[in-house]
Amino acid sequence: MTPRVVIDRVFAEPVHPFRIYPASGRTFEVRHPELVEIGRDGLTVEAASENHPDAPRSWDEVSLASIESIASLEASVSPVG
């Protein structure tokens, strides 16, 4: 996956939440641009615990080379501001 594909998804207006599918089998939902940081070779994605929504969030590293696909989630979100 190229950084440009991810950048286009993250900064799309209006914001369209999406899911990242890396080769590891995990999935990462990105519902807002502030929940992902894009680097040259990878992403840092904020991951919330589904079982404990009030728990502190963690950040996970995802290599661009490991991303098999990106798919839109159902709902779009209006930009703030």
C-alpha atoms as a PDB file:
ATOM      1  CA  MET A   1       0.000   0.000   0.000  1.00  0.00           C
ATOM      2  CA  THR A   2       1.364   3.424  -0.840  1.00  0.00           C
ATOM      3  CA  PRO A   3       1.282   6.377   1.534  1.00  0.00           C
ATOM      4  CA  ARG A   4      -0.743   8.346  -1.059  1.00  0.00           C
ATOM      5  CA  VAL A   5      -3.660   5.859  -0.899  1.00  0.00           C
ATOM      6  CA  VAL A   6      -3.784   6.159   2.884  1.00  0.00           C
ATOM      7  CA  ILE A   7      -3.373   9.952   2.816  1.00  0.00           C
ATOM      8  CA  ASP A   8      -6.275  10.241   0.369  1.00  0.00           C
ATOM      9  CA  ARG A   9      -8.483   8.187   2.712  1.00  0.00           C
ATOM     10  CA  VAL A  10      -7.460  10.002   5.880  1.00  0.00           C
ATOM     11  CA  PHE A  11      -7.926  13.516   4.502  1.00  0.00           C
ATOM     12  CA  ALA A  12     -11.037  12.923   2.375  1.00  0.00           C
ATOM     13  CA  GLU A  13     -13.790  15.504   2.840  1.00  0.00           C
ATOM     14  CA  PRO A  14     -16.313  14.807   4.017  1.00  0.00           C
ATOM     15  CA  VAL A  15     -14.619  12.329   6.332  1.00  0.00           C
ATOM     16  CA  HIS A  16     -15.423   8.726   5.414  1.00  0.00           C
ATOM     17  CA  PRO A  17     -14.527   6.240   8.164  1.00  0.00           C
ATOM     18  CA  PHE A  18     -12.623   3.207   6.921  1.00  0.00           C
ATOM     19  CA  ARG A  19     -11.175  -0.093   8.079  1.00  0.00           C
ATOM     20  CA  ILE A  20      -7.571  -1.206   7.499  1.00  0.00           C
ATOM     21  CA  TYR A  21      -6.914  -4.901   6.832  1.00  0.00           C
ATOM     22  CA  PRO A  22      -3.248  -5.838   7.398  1.00  0.00           C
ATOM     23  CA  ALA A  23      -1.867  -9.316   6.655  1.00  0.00           C
ATOM     24  CA  SER A  24      -1.801 -10.110  10.397  1.00  0.00           C
ATOM     25  CA  GLY A  25      -5.568 -10.616  10.401  1.00  0.00           C
ATOM     26  CA  ARG A  26      -6.246  -7.746  12.802  1.00  0.00           C
ATOM     27  CA  THR A  27      -8.433  -4.897  11.674  1.00  0.00           C
ATOM     28  CA  PHE A  28      -8.236  -1.223  12.543  1.00  0.00           C
ATOM     29  CA  GLU A  29     -11.143   1.179  12.256  1.00  0.00           C
ATOM     30  CA  VAL A  30     -10.319   4.791  11.509  1.00  0.00           C
ATOM     31  CA  ARG A  31     -13.366   6.913  12.235  1.00  0.00           C
ATOM     32  CA  HIS A  32     -11.600  10.287  12.311  1.00  0.00           C
ATOM     33  CA  PRO A  33      -8.340  11.636  10.830  1.00  0.00           C
ATOM     34  CA  GLU A  34      -6.954  12.384  14.300  1.00  0.00           C
ATOM     35  CA  LEU A  35      -6.892   8.636  15.040  1.00  0.00           C
ATOM     36  CA  VAL A  36      -4.107   7.840  12.569  1.00  0.00           C
ATOM     37  CA  GLU A  37      -0.608   9.177  11.938  1.00  0.00           C
ATOM     38  CA  ILE A  38       1.023   8.493   8.591  1.00  0.00           C
ATOM     39  CA  GLY A  39       4.733   7.886   8.238  1.00  0.00           C
ATOM     40  CA  ARG A  40       6.924   7.020   5.279  1.00  0.00           C
ATOM     41  CA  ASP A  41       6.767   3.263   5.903  1.00  0.00           C
ATOM     42  CA  GLY A  42       3.803   2.811   8.208  1.00  0.00           C
ATOM     43  CA  LEU A  43       0.880   4.063  10.210  1.00  0.00           C
ATOM     44  CA  THR A  44       0.264   4.590  13.870  1.00  0.00           C
ATOM     45  CA  VAL A  45      -3.401   3.876  14.571  1.00  0.00           C
ATOM     46  CA  GLU A  46      -5.264   4.561  17.809  1.00  0.00           C
ATOM     47  CA  ALA A  47      -6.995   1.385  18.938  1.00  0.00           C
ATOM     48  CA  ALA A  48      -9.861   1.437  21.416  1.00  0.00           C
ATOM     49  CA  SER A  49     -10.768  -1.630  23.419  1.00  0.00           C
ATOM     50  CA  GLU A  50     -14.176  -2.895  22.314  1.00  0.00           C
ATOM     51  CA  ASN A  51     -14.672  -4.744  25.606  1.00  0.00           C
ATOM     52  CA  HIS A  52     -13.630  -1.785  27.770  1.00  0.00           C
ATOM     53  CA  PRO A  53     -14.616   1.502  26.073  1.00  0.00           C
ATOM     54  CA  ASP A  54     -13.505   3.575  29.097  1.00  0.00           C
ATOM     55  CA  ALA A  55     -10.037   2.008  29.205  1.00  0.00           C
ATOM     56  CA  PRO A  56      -7.044   4.065  28.048  1.00  0.00           C
ATOM     57  CA  ARG A  57      -6.504   3.811  24.326  1.00  0.00           C
ATOM     58  CA  SER A  58      -3.389   2.352  22.822  1.00  0.00           C
ATOM     59  CA  TRP A  59      -1.519   3.113  19.614  1.00  0.00           C
ATOM     60  CA  ASP A  60      -0.576   0.316  17.209  1.00  0.00           C
ATOM     61  CA  GLU A  61       2.010   0.384  14.451  1.00  0.00           C
ATOM     62  CA  VAL A  62       0.979  -0.941  11.025  1.00  0.00           C
ATOM     63  CA  SER A  63       3.482  -1.328   8.198  1.00  0.00           C
ATOM     64  CA  LEU A  64       2.270   0.007   4.841  1.00  0.00           C
ATOM     65  CA  ALA A  65       3.713  -3.112   3.209  1.00  0.00           C
ATOM     66  CA  SER A  66       1.465  -5.311   5.387  1.00  0.00           C
ATOM     67  CA  ILE A  67      -1.807  -3.584   4.448  1.00  0.00           C
ATOM     68  CA  GLU A  68      -3.770  -5.870   2.155  1.00  0.00           C
ATOM     69  CA  SER A  69      -6.796  -3.617   1.736  1.00  0.00           C
ATOM     70  CA  ILE A  70      -8.737  -0.626   2.983  1.00  0.00           C
ATOM     71  CA  ALA A  71     -12.537  -0.580   2.958  1.00  0.00           C
ATOM     72  CA  SER A  72     -15.063   2.134   3.719  1.00  0.00           C
ATOM     73  CA  LEU A  73     -17.258   1.839   6.770  1.00  0.00           C
ATOM     74  CA  GLU A  74     -20.969   2.513   6.374  1.00  0.00           C
ATOM     75  CA  ALA A  75     -21.421   6.006   7.852  1.00  0.00           C
ATOM     76  CA  SER A  76     -19.707   9.224   6.882  1.00  0.00           C
ATOM     77  CA  VAL A  77     -18.849  11.901   9.412  1.00  0.00           C
ATOM     78  CA  SER A  78     -19.204  15.642   8.836  1.00  0.00           C
ATOM     79  CA  PRO A  79     -15.982  17.626   9.294  1.00  0.00           C
ATOM     80  CA  VAL A  80     -15.733  19.720  12.447  1.00  0.00           C
ATOM     81  CA  GLY A  81     -15.429  23.443  12.041  1.00  0.00           C
END
